[in-house]
């Protein structure tokens, strides 16, 4: 089967409360808004199987666990936490404790643990970061100016970090930074592509002033990680590539065209 649009994660923090007298670390599994725990392999599973350290940092994660209402600030987005939908990262597992990390709140390394880890040079080889909701530039509940300031702060910390020489940043925007796209998407299937999502590739060896017109999708980031670390392709990415090839279309790229790897 499949799920469409916003489904709540099965584990806390979740927009659905625990069942009365149920497991306090779970969302109520009887609620139809709750996605059942998923069991297929994620990019995290692939990295772990290869012995590559990784982490998902989430802004205001612990705050959301401690507060039922996260308010306009930090406005935690429960459904933006992909690994919180998977049984391998259920509460109480060693994988959850190691890989799903609270980034804290705000732009200060004293309160934002991602920035503290950047400054200390202790980021894992593959690091994902989802800022707290009020900083993600989503039209309607977040503003672009606050998000821009936060993105600039994170990038500046990375450029000063001892890990910068070997770092590639791939930055995407939530909801395109707005609701509208003046260009029609290319032909695809019923799942997309949808409106374009801006992406910036920032690295010491990124092509300077280069606009890449390669066809990408959001799984291109996963393709890039898989290529760099020699991972087996994820089932869903491989299936999509096969389907496009069968229709005579070129599968999306893996971001390397934006980098000078000579």
Protein backbone atom coordinates (compact mmCIF):
# COMPACT_ATOMS: atom_id res chain seq x y z
CA UNK A 1 0.00 0.00 0.00
CA UNK A 2 0.92 3.66 0.22
CA UNK A 3 0.15 6.75 2.26
CA UNK A 4 -0.59 10.18 0.83
CA UNK A 5 -0.04 13.54 2.47
CA UNK A 6 0.54 14.10 6.19
CA UNK A 7 0.59 10.93 8.30
CA UNK A 8 1.74 10.99 11.92
CA UNK A 9 4.82 9.00 12.96
CA UNK A 10 4.14 5.95 15.14
CA UNK A 11 6.56 7.07 17.84
CA UNK A 12 6.82 10.18 19.98
CA UNK A 13 7.35 12.98 19.24
CA UNK A 14 4.16 12.65 17.22
CA UNK A 15 1.16 14.85 16.53
CA UNK A 16 -1.00 11.98 17.84
CA UNK A 17 -0.95 11.37 21.58
CA UNK A 18 -0.25 7.95 23.11
CA UNK A 19 -3.21 5.65 23.68
CA UNK A 20 -4.80 5.92 27.09
CA UNK A 21 -2.89 3.48 29.32
CA UNK A 22 -0.78 2.61 26.26
CA UNK A 23 2.96 2.94 25.63
CA UNK A 24 3.86 6.57 26.38
CA UNK A 25 6.65 6.48 23.79
CA UNK A 26 4.26 5.56 20.95
CA UNK A 27 1.46 7.36 19.16
CA UNK A 28 -1.92 5.68 19.51
CA UNK A 29 -1.67 2.86 16.91
CA UNK A 30 -5.48 2.74 16.59
CA UNK A 31 -5.63 6.33 15.33
CA UNK A 32 -6.11 6.29 11.52
CA UNK A 33 -3.73 9.24 11.15
CA UNK A 34 -0.81 7.15 12.44
CA UNK A 35 1.48 5.42 9.95
CA UNK A 36 2.28 1.86 11.06
CA UNK A 37 6.00 1.30 11.78
CA UNK A 38 7.81 0.74 8.48
CA UNK A 39 10.34 -2.03 7.95
CA UNK A 40 11.99 -1.47 4.56
CA UNK A 41 15.63 -0.34 4.41
CA UNK A 42 16.45 3.36 4.78
CA UNK A 43 19.63 5.21 3.82
CA UNK A 44 20.53 4.99 7.50
CA UNK A 45 20.32 1.19 7.41
CA UNK A 46 22.51 1.10 4.30
CA UNK A 47 25.11 3.35 5.95
CA UNK A 48 25.13 1.32 9.16
CA UNK A 49 25.53 -1.93 7.23
CA UNK A 50 28.64 -0.44 5.59
CA UNK A 51 30.02 0.82 8.89
CA UNK A 52 29.58 4.51 7.97
CA UNK A 53 28.67 6.75 10.90
CA UNK A 54 25.62 8.99 10.39
CA UNK A 55 23.04 11.00 12.29
CA UNK A 56 19.74 12.82 11.85
CA UNK A 57 19.74 16.09 13.82
CA UNK A 58 16.32 17.56 14.45
CA UNK A 59 15.76 21.07 15.74
CA UNK A 60 13.58 21.14 18.89
CA UNK A 61 13.30 17.31 19.05
CA UNK A 62 13.71 17.15 22.83
CA UNK A 63 11.56 20.25 23.23
CA UNK A 64 8.76 18.44 21.39
CA UNK A 65 9.13 15.41 23.66
CA UNK A 66 8.86 17.67 26.71
CA UNK A 67 5.98 19.89 25.47
CA UNK A 68 2.71 18.81 23.89
CA UNK A 69 2.29 22.24 22.27
CA UNK A 70 5.46 23.66 20.73
CA UNK A 71 3.78 26.96 19.79
CA UNK A 72 4.78 29.33 16.97
CA UNK A 73 8.38 28.99 18.19
CA UNK A 74 9.95 26.48 17.82
CA UNK A 75 6.88 25.00 16.05
CA UNK A 76 8.20 21.45 15.78
CA UNK A 77 7.00 19.62 12.65
CA UNK A 78 6.26 16.03 13.70
CA UNK A 79 5.83 14.65 10.18
CA UNK A 80 9.21 16.00 8.98
CA UNK A 81 11.15 13.28 10.87
CA UNK A 82 11.58 10.39 8.40
CA UNK A 83 13.44 7.93 10.62
CA UNK A 84 10.74 8.23 13.30
CA UNK A 85 8.49 6.15 11.02
CA UNK A 86 10.73 3.06 11.05
CA UNK A 87 10.76 0.09 13.42
CA UNK A 88 14.56 -0.08 13.35
CA UNK A 89 14.59 3.31 15.14
CA UNK A 90 11.78 2.67 17.62
CA UNK A 91 12.06 4.06 21.15
CA UNK A 92 14.41 1.94 23.23
CA UNK A 93 16.56 0.76 20.32
CA UNK A 94 20.31 1.33 20.23
CA UNK A 95 19.98 2.70 16.68
CA UNK A 96 17.60 5.44 17.84
CA UNK A 97 19.87 6.46 20.69
CA UNK A 98 22.89 6.65 18.40
CA UNK A 99 21.49 8.15 15.21
CA UNK A 100 18.44 10.32 16.05
CA UNK A 101 19.75 13.41 17.79
CA UNK A 102 18.20 16.51 19.29
CA UNK A 103 19.71 19.60 17.68
CA UNK A 104 18.34 21.87 20.39
CA UNK A 105 16.86 25.27 19.56
CA UNK A 106 17.91 28.55 17.99
CA UNK A 107 21.17 29.75 16.42
CA UNK A 108 23.42 29.71 19.49
CA UNK A 109 25.88 26.78 19.88
CA UNK A 110 25.02 26.89 23.57
CA UNK A 111 21.47 25.76 22.71
CA UNK A 112 21.86 24.29 19.19
CA UNK A 113 23.73 21.00 19.53
CA UNK A 114 24.31 20.66 15.81
CA UNK A 115 26.30 23.90 15.81
CA UNK A 116 28.20 22.74 18.88
CA UNK A 117 29.14 19.48 17.13
CA UNK A 118 30.15 21.36 13.98
CA UNK A 119 32.44 23.65 15.97
CA UNK A 120 33.98 20.66 17.76
CA UNK A 121 34.59 18.80 14.48
CA UNK A 122 32.58 15.79 15.55
CA UNK A 123 29.91 15.52 12.83
CA UNK A 124 29.36 11.98 11.50
CA UNK A 125 30.41 11.23 7.93
CA UNK A 126 26.79 11.66 6.80
CA UNK A 127 24.74 14.25 8.66
CA UNK A 128 21.14 15.26 8.06
CA UNK A 129 19.69 18.40 9.66
CA UNK A 130 16.06 19.46 9.84
CA UNK A 131 15.72 22.88 11.51
CA UNK A 132 12.88 23.62 13.90
CA UNK A 133 9.63 24.57 12.17
CA UNK A 134 9.79 28.35 12.50
CA UNK A 135 13.16 28.35 10.71
CA UNK A 136 12.32 26.11 7.74
CA UNK A 137 10.93 28.82 5.39
CA UNK A 138 7.63 26.97 4.88
CA UNK A 139 5.07 29.38 3.43
CA UNK A 140 2.29 30.23 5.84
CA UNK A 141 3.91 29.52 9.19
CA UNK A 142 7.60 30.41 8.77
CA UNK A 143 9.29 33.45 7.25
CA UNK A 144 12.09 33.51 4.70
CA UNK A 145 14.23 36.07 6.56
CA UNK A 146 14.54 33.99 9.75
CA UNK A 147 15.28 30.88 7.71
CA UNK A 148 17.93 32.66 5.64
CA UNK A 149 19.68 33.89 8.78
CA UNK A 150 19.66 30.39 10.24
CA UNK A 151 20.97 28.76 7.07
CA UNK A 152 23.75 31.36 6.84
CA UNK A 153 24.72 30.71 10.46
CA UNK A 154 24.92 26.94 9.93
CA UNK A 155 27.01 27.33 6.75
CA UNK A 156 29.37 29.81 8.43
CA UNK A 157 29.96 27.38 11.28
CA UNK A 158 30.66 24.58 8.79
CA UNK A 159 33.11 26.74 6.84
CA UNK A 160 35.03 27.43 10.06
CA UNK A 161 34.95 23.82 11.24
CA UNK A 162 37.95 21.47 11.14
CA UNK A 163 35.93 19.18 8.83
CA UNK A 164 35.27 21.79 6.14
CA UNK A 165 37.93 20.63 3.64
CA UNK A 166 36.03 17.38 3.09
CA UNK A 167 32.47 18.67 3.43
CA UNK A 168 29.65 18.84 0.88
CA UNK A 169 26.49 20.69 1.92
CA UNK A 170 23.28 19.99 0.02
CA UNK A 171 20.59 22.46 1.07
CA UNK A 172 16.96 22.20 -0.01
CA UNK A 173 13.94 24.33 0.90
CA UNK A 174 10.62 23.25 2.36
CA UNK A 175 7.79 23.86 -0.10
CA UNK A 176 10.06 25.69 -2.56
CA UNK A 177 10.19 28.69 -0.19
CA UNK A 178 6.61 29.39 -1.31
CA UNK A 179 3.61 27.79 -3.00
CA UNK A 180 4.14 28.61 -6.67
CA UNK A 181 6.42 27.44 -9.47
CA UNK A 182 6.33 29.28 -12.84
CA UNK A 183 7.64 26.24 -14.72
CA UNK A 184 5.57 23.11 -15.36
CA UNK A 185 7.18 19.91 -14.04
CA UNK A 186 8.37 17.28 -16.51
CA UNK A 187 6.19 14.29 -17.30
CA UNK A 188 6.28 11.60 -14.64
CA UNK A 189 3.95 9.26 -12.82
CA UNK A 190 1.12 9.99 -10.39
CA UNK A 191 3.65 10.75 -7.63
CA UNK A 192 5.44 13.48 -9.51
CA UNK A 193 7.70 15.24 -10.12
CA UNK A 194 5.86 18.12 -8.51
CA UNK A 195 6.91 21.74 -8.23
CA UNK A 196 10.65 22.35 -8.29
CA UNK A 197 12.62 22.40 -5.03
CA UNK A 198 15.62 24.75 -5.01
CA UNK A 199 18.89 23.09 -4.07
CA UNK A 200 22.29 24.57 -3.33
CA UNK A 201 25.46 22.46 -3.38
CA UNK A 202 28.12 24.17 -1.26
CA UNK A 203 31.61 22.73 -0.91
CA UNK A 204 35.29 23.69 -1.23
CA UNK A 205 35.24 21.76 -4.52
CA UNK A 206 31.81 22.82 -5.81
CA UNK A 207 31.82 24.39 -9.27
CA UNK A 208 31.89 28.13 -8.67
CA UNK A 209 28.96 30.17 -10.01
CA UNK A 210 27.58 27.10 -11.74
CA UNK A 211 23.90 26.50 -12.45
CA UNK A 212 23.36 22.76 -12.94
CA UNK A 213 20.56 21.88 -15.36
CA UNK A 214 20.85 18.12 -14.82
CA UNK A 215 17.50 16.45 -14.10
CA UNK A 216 17.35 15.63 -10.39
CA UNK A 217 14.73 14.56 -7.88
CA UNK A 218 14.88 14.60 -4.09
CA UNK A 219 16.26 11.04 -4.13
CA UNK A 220 19.33 12.43 -5.94
CA UNK A 221 20.73 13.22 -2.50
CA UNK A 222 20.36 9.55 -1.57
CA UNK A 223 21.95 8.56 -4.88
CA UNK A 224 24.91 10.83 -4.10
CA UNK A 225 25.39 9.38 -0.60
CA UNK A 226 25.14 5.86 -2.01
CA UNK A 227 27.74 6.61 -4.68
CA UNK A 228 30.22 8.23 -2.29
CA UNK A 229 30.03 5.39 0.23
CA UNK A 230 29.55 2.49 -2.17
CA UNK A 231 26.13 1.51 -0.83
CA UNK A 232 23.64 -0.86 -2.37
CA UNK A 233 20.89 1.21 -4.03
CA UNK A 234 17.74 1.69 -1.99
CA UNK A 235 14.88 -0.43 -3.31
CA UNK A 236 12.56 2.49 -4.04
CA UNK A 237 15.26 4.54 -5.80
CA UNK A 238 16.30 1.55 -7.92
CA UNK A 239 12.68 0.78 -8.84
CA UNK A 240 12.06 4.40 -9.90
CA UNK A 241 15.21 4.41 -12.04
CA UNK A 242 14.16 1.16 -13.73
CA UNK A 243 10.69 2.54 -14.43
CA UNK A 244 12.07 5.71 -16.02
CA UNK A 245 14.55 3.73 -18.11
CA UNK A 246 11.74 1.45 -19.32
CA UNK A 247 9.84 4.54 -20.52
CA UNK A 248 12.90 5.80 -22.39
CA UNK A 249 13.62 8.55 -19.84
CA UNK A 250 16.98 9.24 -18.21
CA UNK A 251 16.94 8.57 -14.45
CA UNK A 252 17.78 11.57 -12.22
CA UNK A 253 21.41 12.38 -11.54
CA UNK A 254 23.33 12.06 -8.28
CA UNK A 255 24.62 15.67 -7.83
CA UNK A 256 28.19 14.95 -8.95
CA UNK A 257 27.76 17.23 -11.98
CA UNK A 258 27.81 20.18 -9.56
CA UNK A 259 31.19 19.19 -8.12
CA UNK A 260 34.72 19.45 -9.45
CA UNK A 261 36.07 16.04 -8.46
CA UNK A 262 39.10 16.01 -10.79
